[in-house]
Amino acid sequence: MKKQLNGVAFRGLNPSDTELGFQPIRPQFTKLANAYRTSWQQALAANTWTNFLSAAATTGFALGSDFGIVCTHVTSLVTPRPFISEMQQKVDRAELVPIDVRDVIIGDNENGVAVYPIPTALLLPKATWYMQIKADAAGTEELKLGGLVIGLGRALKETTPTWT
């Protein structure tokens, strides 16, 4: 990531505008139908694949030129039973196999939050990312992406996304 961003200095959680830093993934670093996401909520129909991250139908959106993403897991904030049952990603030209997440809920944690470990997705700046999800029952899922956004401070500090 550092090489892709011209070897800038790494400063951790609070970088200046032109320094490299990191933070947890926020919705605004992703897009749905080529619009910046404002929340993780997604309405799902039963037994139907639904775009979760996209530029258009089955097409990935391009990350900004000032940041990359490392996604290691997803967390459903819907309790007691999440709606999501399967998910599939495309990273650049690599289409990954669908993952059945029905039985990988880590239900023994203190708060009973459903955490789904997924194969790590490493997305460099300007990479394309597409994700679709499926539910066994209709409802509104709130699927938070887990991992880090690594990028320049100017992108990390934005409260209203403007990255391209």
N, C-alpha and C. Protein backbone atom coordinates (compact mmCIF):
# COMPACT_ATOMS: atom_id res chain seq x y z
N MET A 1 0.84 -1.18 0.00
CA MET A 1 0.00 0.00 0.00
C MET A 1 0.89 1.25 0.00
N LYS A 2 1.92 1.20 0.85
CA LYS A 2 2.82 2.35 0.94
C LYS A 2 3.50 2.62 -0.41
N LYS A 3 3.90 1.55 -1.09
CA LYS A 3 4.53 1.73 -2.40
C LYS A 3 3.55 2.34 -3.40
N GLN A 4 2.28 1.88 -3.38
CA GLN A 4 1.27 2.42 -4.28
C GLN A 4 1.01 3.91 -4.04
N LEU A 5 1.26 4.36 -2.80
CA LEU A 5 1.02 5.76 -2.45
C LEU A 5 2.34 6.54 -2.38
N ASN A 6 3.29 6.15 -3.21
CA ASN A 6 4.56 6.85 -3.41
C ASN A 6 5.46 6.89 -2.18
N GLY A 7 5.38 5.88 -1.32
CA GLY A 7 6.31 5.76 -0.20
C GLY A 7 6.18 6.84 0.86
N VAL A 8 5.02 7.42 1.05
CA VAL A 8 4.84 8.49 2.03
C VAL A 8 5.07 7.96 3.44
N ALA A 9 5.34 8.87 4.37
CA ALA A 9 5.60 8.49 5.76
C ALA A 9 4.35 7.89 6.41
N PHE A 10 4.56 6.83 7.22
CA PHE A 10 3.46 6.19 7.94
C PHE A 10 3.35 6.81 9.32
N ARG A 11 2.14 7.27 9.69
CA ARG A 11 1.93 7.95 10.96
C ARG A 11 0.86 7.31 11.84
N GLY A 12 0.24 6.20 11.42
CA GLY A 12 -0.71 5.52 12.29
C GLY A 12 -2.13 6.07 12.22
N LEU A 13 -2.76 6.25 13.39
CA LEU A 13 -4.18 6.60 13.45
C LEU A 13 -4.53 8.04 13.10
N ASN A 14 -3.62 8.97 13.26
CA ASN A 14 -3.95 10.38 12.99
C ASN A 14 -2.93 11.02 12.07
N PRO A 15 -2.90 10.60 10.81
CA PRO A 15 -1.92 11.17 9.88
C PRO A 15 -2.34 12.55 9.40
N SER A 16 -1.35 13.33 8.98
CA SER A 16 -1.68 14.61 8.32
C SER A 16 -2.18 14.28 6.91
N ASP A 17 -2.60 15.27 6.18
CA ASP A 17 -3.21 15.07 4.87
C ASP A 17 -2.37 14.25 3.90
N THR A 18 -1.05 14.42 3.94
CA THR A 18 -0.19 13.75 2.98
C THR A 18 0.61 12.60 3.59
N GLU A 19 0.24 12.17 4.79
CA GLU A 19 0.90 11.04 5.43
C GLU A 19 -0.01 9.81 5.37
N LEU A 20 0.59 8.65 5.54
CA LEU A 20 -0.14 7.39 5.49
C LEU A 20 -0.64 7.01 6.88
N GLY A 21 -1.89 6.58 6.95
CA GLY A 21 -2.47 6.14 8.21
C GLY A 21 -3.49 5.04 7.97
N PHE A 22 -4.20 4.67 9.04
CA PHE A 22 -5.20 3.62 8.90
C PHE A 22 -6.35 3.88 9.87
N GLN A 23 -7.48 3.22 9.60
CA GLN A 23 -8.65 3.26 10.46
C GLN A 23 -9.56 2.10 10.07
N PRO A 24 -10.53 1.74 10.94
CA PRO A 24 -11.49 0.71 10.56
C PRO A 24 -12.28 1.14 9.31
N ILE A 25 -12.80 0.18 8.58
CA ILE A 25 -13.56 0.47 7.36
C ILE A 25 -14.88 1.14 7.74
N ARG A 26 -15.14 2.30 7.15
CA ARG A 26 -16.41 3.00 7.33
C ARG A 26 -17.19 2.88 6.03
N PRO A 27 -18.54 2.96 6.10
CA PRO A 27 -19.34 2.79 4.87
C PRO A 27 -18.92 3.71 3.73
N GLN A 28 -18.50 4.92 4.03
CA GLN A 28 -18.19 5.89 2.98
C GLN A 28 -16.98 5.51 2.11
N PHE A 29 -16.24 4.48 2.50
CA PHE A 29 -15.13 4.03 1.66
C PHE A 29 -15.57 2.98 0.65
N THR A 30 -16.87 2.73 0.60
CA THR A 30 -17.44 1.77 -0.34
C THR A 30 -18.58 2.42 -1.10
N LYS A 31 -19.02 1.76 -2.14
CA LYS A 31 -20.13 2.28 -2.95
C LYS A 31 -21.15 1.18 -3.24
N LEU A 32 -22.39 1.60 -3.41
CA LEU A 32 -23.46 0.74 -3.88
C LEU A 32 -24.14 1.48 -5.02
N ALA A 33 -24.27 0.83 -6.18
CA ALA A 33 -24.81 1.46 -7.39
C ALA A 33 -24.05 2.75 -7.70
N ASN A 34 -22.74 2.72 -7.47
CA ASN A 34 -21.81 3.82 -7.73
C ASN A 34 -22.08 5.07 -6.90
N ALA A 35 -22.81 4.93 -5.80
CA ALA A 35 -23.04 6.03 -4.86
C ALA A 35 -22.34 5.68 -3.55
N TYR A 36 -21.75 6.66 -2.90
CA TYR A 36 -21.09 6.41 -1.62
C TYR A 36 -22.09 5.83 -0.63
N ARG A 37 -21.73 4.75 0.04
CA ARG A 37 -22.61 4.17 1.07
C ARG A 37 -22.63 5.12 2.27
N THR A 38 -23.81 5.24 2.88
CA THR A 38 -23.94 6.05 4.08
C THR A 38 -24.19 5.18 5.31
N SER A 39 -24.51 3.92 5.11
CA SER A 39 -24.70 2.98 6.21
C SER A 39 -24.44 1.58 5.69
N TRP A 40 -24.43 0.62 6.60
CA TRP A 40 -24.22 -0.78 6.22
C TRP A 40 -25.53 -1.50 5.98
N GLN A 41 -26.66 -0.84 6.15
CA GLN A 41 -27.95 -1.51 6.00
C GLN A 41 -28.23 -1.88 4.55
N GLN A 42 -28.82 -3.06 4.37
CA GLN A 42 -29.14 -3.56 3.03
C GLN A 42 -30.40 -4.40 3.09
N ALA A 43 -31.42 -3.99 2.32
CA ALA A 43 -32.64 -4.79 2.23
C ALA A 43 -32.36 -6.02 1.38
N LEU A 44 -32.83 -7.17 1.86
CA LEU A 44 -32.60 -8.43 1.16
C LEU A 44 -33.92 -9.15 0.92
N ALA A 45 -34.06 -9.72 -0.25
CA ALA A 45 -35.20 -10.59 -0.57
C ALA A 45 -34.77 -12.03 -0.31
N ALA A 46 -35.70 -12.88 0.00
CA ALA A 46 -35.39 -14.28 0.27
C ALA A 46 -34.86 -14.98 -0.97
N ASN A 47 -33.77 -15.73 -0.80
CA ASN A 47 -33.20 -16.57 -1.86
C ASN A 47 -32.85 -15.83 -3.13
N THR A 48 -32.39 -14.59 -2.99
CA THR A 48 -32.02 -13.76 -4.13
C THR A 48 -30.68 -13.09 -3.85
N TRP A 49 -29.79 -13.13 -4.83
CA TRP A 49 -28.52 -12.41 -4.70
C TRP A 49 -28.78 -10.92 -4.85
N THR A 50 -28.19 -10.13 -3.96
CA THR A 50 -28.37 -8.68 -3.95
C THR A 50 -27.01 -8.00 -3.96
N ASN A 51 -26.84 -6.97 -4.78
CA ASN A 51 -25.59 -6.21 -4.77
C ASN A 51 -25.41 -5.55 -3.41
N PHE A 52 -24.20 -5.64 -2.87
CA PHE A 52 -23.86 -4.99 -1.61
C PHE A 52 -22.79 -3.93 -1.84
N LEU A 53 -21.82 -4.22 -2.69
CA LEU A 53 -20.79 -3.26 -3.12
C LEU A 53 -20.77 -3.31 -4.64
N SER A 54 -20.98 -2.17 -5.29
CA SER A 54 -21.05 -2.21 -6.75
C SER A 54 -20.99 -0.83 -7.37
N ALA A 55 -20.69 -0.82 -8.67
CA ALA A 55 -20.84 0.39 -9.49
C ALA A 55 -22.17 0.27 -10.24
N ALA A 56 -22.48 -0.93 -10.66
CA ALA A 56 -23.73 -1.25 -11.36
C ALA A 56 -23.97 -2.75 -11.16
N ALA A 57 -25.02 -3.26 -11.75
CA ALA A 57 -25.33 -4.69 -11.59
C ALA A 57 -24.12 -5.55 -11.96
N THR A 58 -23.66 -6.36 -11.06
CA THR A 58 -22.54 -7.29 -11.21
C THR A 58 -21.21 -6.64 -11.59
N THR A 59 -21.09 -5.34 -11.40
CA THR A 59 -19.87 -4.60 -11.74
C THR A 59 -19.30 -3.95 -10.49
N GLY A 60 -18.02 -4.13 -10.26
CA GLY A 60 -17.37 -3.55 -9.08
C GLY A 60 -17.15 -2.05 -9.21
N PHE A 61 -17.06 -1.39 -8.07
CA PHE A 61 -16.73 0.03 -8.04
C PHE A 61 -15.22 0.17 -7.88
N ALA A 62 -14.67 1.29 -8.30
CA ALA A 62 -13.23 1.53 -8.17
C ALA A 62 -12.93 2.29 -6.89
N LEU A 63 -11.98 1.76 -6.10
CA LEU A 63 -11.54 2.46 -4.90
C LEU A 63 -10.88 3.77 -5.29
N GLY A 64 -10.74 4.65 -4.34
CA GLY A 64 -10.08 5.92 -4.58
C GLY A 64 -8.59 5.76 -4.81
N SER A 65 -7.96 6.80 -5.28
CA SER A 65 -6.53 6.76 -5.55
C SER A 65 -5.69 7.04 -4.30
N ASP A 66 -6.34 7.45 -3.19
CA ASP A 66 -5.61 7.81 -1.97
C ASP A 66 -5.72 6.78 -0.85
N PHE A 67 -6.34 5.63 -1.10
CA PHE A 67 -6.47 4.62 -0.05
C PHE A 67 -6.68 3.23 -0.64
N GLY A 68 -6.41 2.25 0.18
CA GLY A 68 -6.68 0.85 -0.14
C GLY A 68 -7.41 0.23 1.04
N ILE A 69 -7.89 -0.99 0.89
CA ILE A 69 -8.65 -1.65 1.95
C ILE A 69 -8.15 -3.07 2.14
N VAL A 70 -8.09 -3.49 3.40
CA VAL A 70 -7.82 -4.88 3.76
C VAL A 70 -9.05 -5.35 4.53
N CYS A 71 -9.84 -6.23 3.93
CA CYS A 71 -11.07 -6.72 4.54
C CYS A 71 -10.86 -8.16 4.99
N THR A 72 -11.05 -8.42 6.29
CA THR A 72 -10.78 -9.74 6.85
C THR A 72 -12.02 -10.48 7.34
N HIS A 73 -13.10 -9.75 7.60
CA HIS A 73 -14.30 -10.38 8.13
C HIS A 73 -15.50 -9.45 7.94
N VAL A 74 -16.67 -9.99 8.13
CA VAL A 74 -17.89 -9.18 8.14
C VAL A 74 -18.63 -9.48 9.44
N THR A 75 -19.34 -8.49 9.92
CA THR A 75 -20.09 -8.63 11.16
C THR A 75 -21.54 -8.25 10.89
N SER A 76 -22.47 -9.10 11.27
CA SER A 76 -23.88 -8.76 11.17
C SER A 76 -24.30 -8.13 12.49
N LEU A 77 -24.87 -6.94 12.40
CA LEU A 77 -25.34 -6.24 13.59
C LEU A 77 -26.81 -6.55 13.86
N VAL A 78 -27.38 -7.50 13.10
CA VAL A 78 -28.76 -7.92 13.30
C VAL A 78 -28.78 -9.07 14.30
N THR A 79 -29.54 -8.92 15.37
CA THR A 79 -29.64 -9.99 16.36
C THR A 79 -31.11 -10.34 16.58
N PRO A 80 -31.46 -11.52 17.00
CA PRO A 80 -30.54 -12.60 17.36
C PRO A 80 -30.11 -13.43 16.16
N ARG A 81 -30.76 -13.29 15.02
CA ARG A 81 -30.42 -14.13 13.86
C ARG A 81 -30.20 -13.25 12.64
N PRO A 82 -28.97 -13.21 12.13
CA PRO A 82 -28.69 -12.44 10.91
C PRO A 82 -29.46 -12.99 9.71
N PHE A 83 -29.66 -12.14 8.70
CA PHE A 83 -30.35 -12.56 7.48
C PHE A 83 -29.40 -13.18 6.46
N ILE A 84 -28.15 -12.73 6.44
CA ILE A 84 -27.21 -13.18 5.41
C ILE A 84 -26.97 -14.68 5.50
N SER A 85 -26.90 -15.33 4.34
CA SER A 85 -26.61 -16.76 4.30
C SER A 85 -25.41 -17.08 3.41
N GLU A 86 -25.19 -16.28 2.37
CA GLU A 86 -24.05 -16.48 1.47
C GLU A 86 -23.52 -15.14 0.99
N MET A 87 -22.27 -15.13 0.57
CA MET A 87 -21.69 -13.92 0.00
C MET A 87 -20.66 -14.31 -1.05
N GLN A 88 -20.43 -13.39 -1.99
CA GLN A 88 -19.44 -13.61 -3.04
C GLN A 88 -18.77 -12.28 -3.36
N GLN A 89 -17.47 -12.34 -3.64
CA GLN A 89 -16.71 -11.13 -3.97
C GLN A 89 -16.00 -11.28 -5.31
N LYS A 90 -15.79 -10.15 -5.95
CA LYS A 90 -14.89 -10.04 -7.10
C LYS A 90 -13.91 -8.93 -6.76
N VAL A 91 -12.62 -9.24 -6.84
CA VAL A 91 -11.58 -8.26 -6.60
C VAL A 91 -10.80 -8.13 -7.90
N ASP A 92 -10.89 -6.96 -8.51
CA ASP A 92 -10.36 -6.74 -9.85
C ASP A 92 -10.96 -7.80 -10.78
N ARG A 93 -10.13 -8.63 -11.42
CA ARG A 93 -10.68 -9.64 -12.33
C ARG A 93 -10.88 -11.00 -11.68
N ALA A 94 -10.50 -11.13 -10.41
CA ALA A 94 -10.61 -12.41 -9.71
C ALA A 94 -11.99 -12.56 -9.08
N GLU A 95 -12.76 -13.52 -9.60
CA GLU A 95 -14.08 -13.81 -9.04
C GLU A 95 -13.93 -14.97 -8.06
N LEU A 96 -14.21 -14.70 -6.79
CA LEU A 96 -14.06 -15.71 -5.75
C LEU A 96 -15.31 -16.58 -5.67
N VAL A 97 -15.16 -17.78 -5.17
CA VAL A 97 -16.30 -18.67 -5.04
C VAL A 97 -17.23 -18.15 -3.95
N PRO A 98 -18.55 -18.40 -4.08
CA PRO A 98 -19.47 -17.97 -3.02
C PRO A 98 -19.13 -18.68 -1.71
N ILE A 99 -19.32 -17.97 -0.60
CA ILE A 99 -19.04 -18.50 0.73
C ILE A 99 -20.36 -18.68 1.47
N ASP A 100 -20.58 -19.88 1.99
CA ASP A 100 -21.75 -20.14 2.82
C ASP A 100 -21.41 -19.69 4.23
N VAL A 101 -22.10 -18.68 4.74
CA VAL A 101 -21.79 -18.14 6.06
C VAL A 101 -22.83 -18.52 7.11
N ARG A 102 -23.71 -19.44 6.78
CA ARG A 102 -24.76 -19.87 7.72
C ARG A 102 -24.18 -20.48 9.00
N ASP A 103 -23.14 -21.30 8.85
CA ASP A 103 -22.65 -22.03 10.01
C ASP A 103 -21.32 -21.53 10.56
N VAL A 104 -20.86 -20.38 10.11
CA VAL A 104 -19.61 -19.84 10.65
C VAL A 104 -19.84 -18.68 11.60
N ILE A 105 -21.07 -18.55 12.08
CA ILE A 105 -21.35 -17.50 13.06
C ILE A 105 -20.61 -17.84 14.34
N ILE A 106 -19.86 -16.89 14.84
CA ILE A 106 -19.17 -17.09 16.11
C ILE A 106 -20.15 -16.64 17.19
N GLY A 107 -20.91 -17.58 17.71
CA GLY A 107 -21.97 -17.24 18.64
C GLY A 107 -21.57 -17.33 20.09
N ASP A 108 -20.30 -17.63 20.36
CA ASP A 108 -19.91 -17.79 21.76
C ASP A 108 -19.25 -16.55 22.33
N ASN A 109 -19.33 -15.42 21.62
CA ASN A 109 -18.74 -14.22 22.18
C ASN A 109 -19.70 -13.59 23.19
N GLU A 110 -19.19 -12.74 24.00
CA GLU A 110 -19.94 -12.17 25.12
C GLU A 110 -21.21 -11.45 24.70
N ASN A 111 -21.19 -10.76 23.57
CA ASN A 111 -22.34 -9.97 23.14
C ASN A 111 -23.24 -10.69 22.15
N GLY A 112 -22.87 -11.88 21.72
CA GLY A 112 -23.69 -12.63 20.77
C GLY A 112 -23.73 -12.02 19.39
N VAL A 113 -22.69 -11.30 18.99
CA VAL A 113 -22.63 -10.67 17.68
C VAL A 113 -22.11 -11.68 16.67
N ALA A 114 -22.76 -11.77 15.52
CA ALA A 114 -22.36 -12.72 14.48
C ALA A 114 -21.19 -12.17 13.68
N VAL A 115 -20.07 -12.86 13.74
CA VAL A 115 -18.86 -12.46 13.01
C VAL A 115 -18.55 -13.55 12.00
N TYR A 116 -18.32 -13.16 10.75
CA TYR A 116 -18.04 -14.10 9.68
C TYR A 116 -16.60 -13.90 9.19
N PRO A 117 -15.68 -14.80 9.52
CA PRO A 117 -14.35 -14.68 8.94
C PRO A 117 -14.43 -15.00 7.45
N ILE A 118 -13.79 -14.22 6.63
CA ILE A 118 -13.81 -14.44 5.18
C ILE A 118 -12.37 -14.45 4.68
N PRO A 119 -12.13 -15.01 3.50
CA PRO A 119 -10.78 -14.91 2.94
C PRO A 119 -10.41 -13.42 2.82
N THR A 120 -9.23 -13.08 3.27
CA THR A 120 -8.79 -11.69 3.28
C THR A 120 -8.77 -11.11 1.87
N ALA A 121 -9.40 -9.96 1.73
CA ALA A 121 -9.38 -9.23 0.45
C ALA A 121 -8.43 -8.06 0.61
N LEU A 122 -7.38 -8.03 -0.19
CA LEU A 122 -6.42 -6.93 -0.20
C LEU A 122 -6.67 -6.11 -1.45
N LEU A 123 -7.14 -4.89 -1.24
CA LEU A 123 -7.48 -4.02 -2.36
C LEU A 123 -6.56 -2.81 -2.37
N LEU A 124 -5.75 -2.71 -3.38
CA LEU A 124 -4.85 -1.57 -3.53
C LEU A 124 -5.63 -0.37 -4.04
N PRO A 125 -5.07 0.85 -3.95
CA PRO A 125 -5.76 2.01 -4.51
C PRO A 125 -6.15 1.76 -5.97
N LYS A 126 -7.33 2.21 -6.33
CA LYS A 126 -7.91 2.11 -7.67
C LYS A 126 -8.37 0.69 -8.05
N ALA A 127 -8.28 -0.26 -7.13
CA ALA A 127 -8.77 -1.62 -7.41
C ALA A 127 -10.28 -1.59 -7.54
N THR A 128 -10.85 -2.58 -8.23
CA THR A 128 -12.30 -2.70 -8.30
C THR A 128 -12.76 -3.80 -7.36
N TRP A 129 -13.92 -3.55 -6.73
CA TRP A 129 -14.45 -4.47 -5.72
C TRP A 129 -15.94 -4.60 -5.91
N TYR A 130 -16.38 -5.84 -5.96
CA TYR A 130 -17.80 -6.14 -6.07
C TYR A 130 -18.14 -7.19 -5.02
N MET A 131 -19.26 -7.01 -4.35
CA MET A 131 -19.73 -8.01 -3.40
C MET A 131 -21.24 -8.14 -3.53
N GLN A 132 -21.68 -9.38 -3.56
CA GLN A 132 -23.12 -9.64 -3.53
C GLN A 132 -23.41 -10.56 -2.34
N ILE A 133 -24.60 -10.40 -1.77
CA ILE A 133 -24.98 -11.22 -0.62
C ILE A 133 -26.36 -11.81 -0.84
N LYS A 134 -26.63 -12.90 -0.14
CA LYS A 134 -27.89 -13.63 -0.29
C LYS A 134 -28.43 -13.95 1.10
N ALA A 135 -29.75 -13.98 1.21
CA ALA A 135 -30.40 -14.31 2.48
C ALA A 135 -31.38 -15.47 2.28
N ASP A 136 -31.57 -16.26 3.34
CA ASP A 136 -32.58 -17.31 3.30
C ASP A 136 -33.97 -16.75 3.55
N ALA A 137 -34.04 -15.65 4.29
CA ALA A 137 -35.32 -15.01 4.59
C ALA A 137 -35.20 -13.52 4.30
N ALA A 138 -36.28 -12.89 3.90
CA ALA A 138 -36.26 -11.46 3.59
C ALA A 138 -36.11 -10.64 4.87
N GLY A 139 -35.42 -9.51 4.74
CA GLY A 139 -35.25 -8.60 5.86
C GLY A 139 -34.17 -7.59 5.57
N THR A 140 -33.93 -6.71 6.50
CA THR A 140 -32.89 -5.70 6.34
C THR A 140 -31.67 -6.12 7.15
N GLU A 141 -30.61 -6.43 6.46
CA GLU A 141 -29.34 -6.82 7.08
C GLU A 141 -28.52 -5.57 7.35
N GLU A 142 -27.70 -5.62 8.37
CA GLU A 142 -26.72 -4.56 8.63
C GLU A 142 -25.38 -5.25 8.73
N LEU A 143 -24.68 -5.31 7.61
CA LEU A 143 -23.47 -6.10 7.46
C LEU A 143 -22.26 -5.17 7.42
N LYS A 144 -21.55 -5.11 8.53
CA LYS A 144 -20.39 -4.24 8.67
C LYS A 144 -19.14 -4.95 8.18
N LEU A 145 -18.36 -4.28 7.33
CA LEU A 145 -17.11 -4.85 6.85
C LEU A 145 -16.02 -4.65 7.90
N GLY A 146 -15.28 -5.72 8.17
CA GLY A 146 -14.21 -5.64 9.16
C GLY A 146 -12.85 -5.63 8.50
N GLY A 147 -11.96 -4.85 9.03
CA GLY A 147 -10.62 -4.72 8.47
C GLY A 147 -10.18 -3.27 8.57
N LEU A 148 -9.28 -2.88 7.68
CA LEU A 148 -8.72 -1.54 7.74
C LEU A 148 -8.75 -0.84 6.40
N VAL A 149 -8.92 0.48 6.46
CA VAL A 149 -8.65 1.36 5.32
C VAL A 149 -7.27 1.93 5.59
N ILE A 150 -6.39 1.80 4.62
CA ILE A 150 -5.03 2.32 4.76
C ILE A 150 -4.84 3.36 3.67
N GLY A 151 -4.58 4.59 4.06
CA GLY A 151 -4.48 5.63 3.05
C GLY A 151 -3.97 6.95 3.57
N LEU A 152 -4.03 7.94 2.70
CA LEU A 152 -3.57 9.29 3.05
C LEU A 152 -4.56 9.93 4.02
N GLY A 153 -4.03 10.75 4.90
CA GLY A 153 -4.86 11.41 5.90
C GLY A 153 -6.01 12.18 5.32
N ARG A 154 -5.82 12.82 4.17
CA ARG A 154 -6.91 13.62 3.58
C ARG A 154 -8.13 12.76 3.26
N ALA A 155 -7.92 11.51 2.86
CA ALA A 155 -9.05 10.61 2.58
C ALA A 155 -9.65 10.07 3.88
N LEU A 156 -8.81 9.73 4.84
CA LEU A 156 -9.28 9.16 6.10
C LEU A 156 -10.09 10.16 6.92
N LYS A 157 -9.76 11.44 6.82
CA LYS A 157 -10.42 12.47 7.64
C LYS A 157 -11.78 12.90 7.11
N GLU A 158 -12.09 12.57 5.87
CA GLU A 158 -13.35 13.04 5.28
C GLU A 158 -14.56 12.55 6.06
N THR A 159 -15.49 13.45 6.34
CA THR A 159 -16.76 13.05 6.95
C THR A 159 -17.84 12.95 5.88
N THR A 160 -17.68 13.67 4.80
CA THR A 160 -18.53 13.55 3.63
C THR A 160 -17.60 13.11 2.49
N PRO A 161 -17.79 11.91 1.96
CA PRO A 161 -16.83 11.40 0.98
C PRO A 161 -16.84 12.19 -0.33
N THR A 162 -15.63 12.42 -0.82
CA THR A 162 -15.46 13.07 -2.12
C THR A 162 -14.43 12.35 -2.97
N TRP A 163 -13.91 11.22 -2.47
CA TRP A 163 -12.83 10.53 -3.17
C TRP A 163 -13.29 10.01 -4.53
N THR A 164 -12.34 9.94 -5.43
CA THR A 164 -12.58 9.38 -6.76
C THR A 164 -11.41 8.50 -7.13
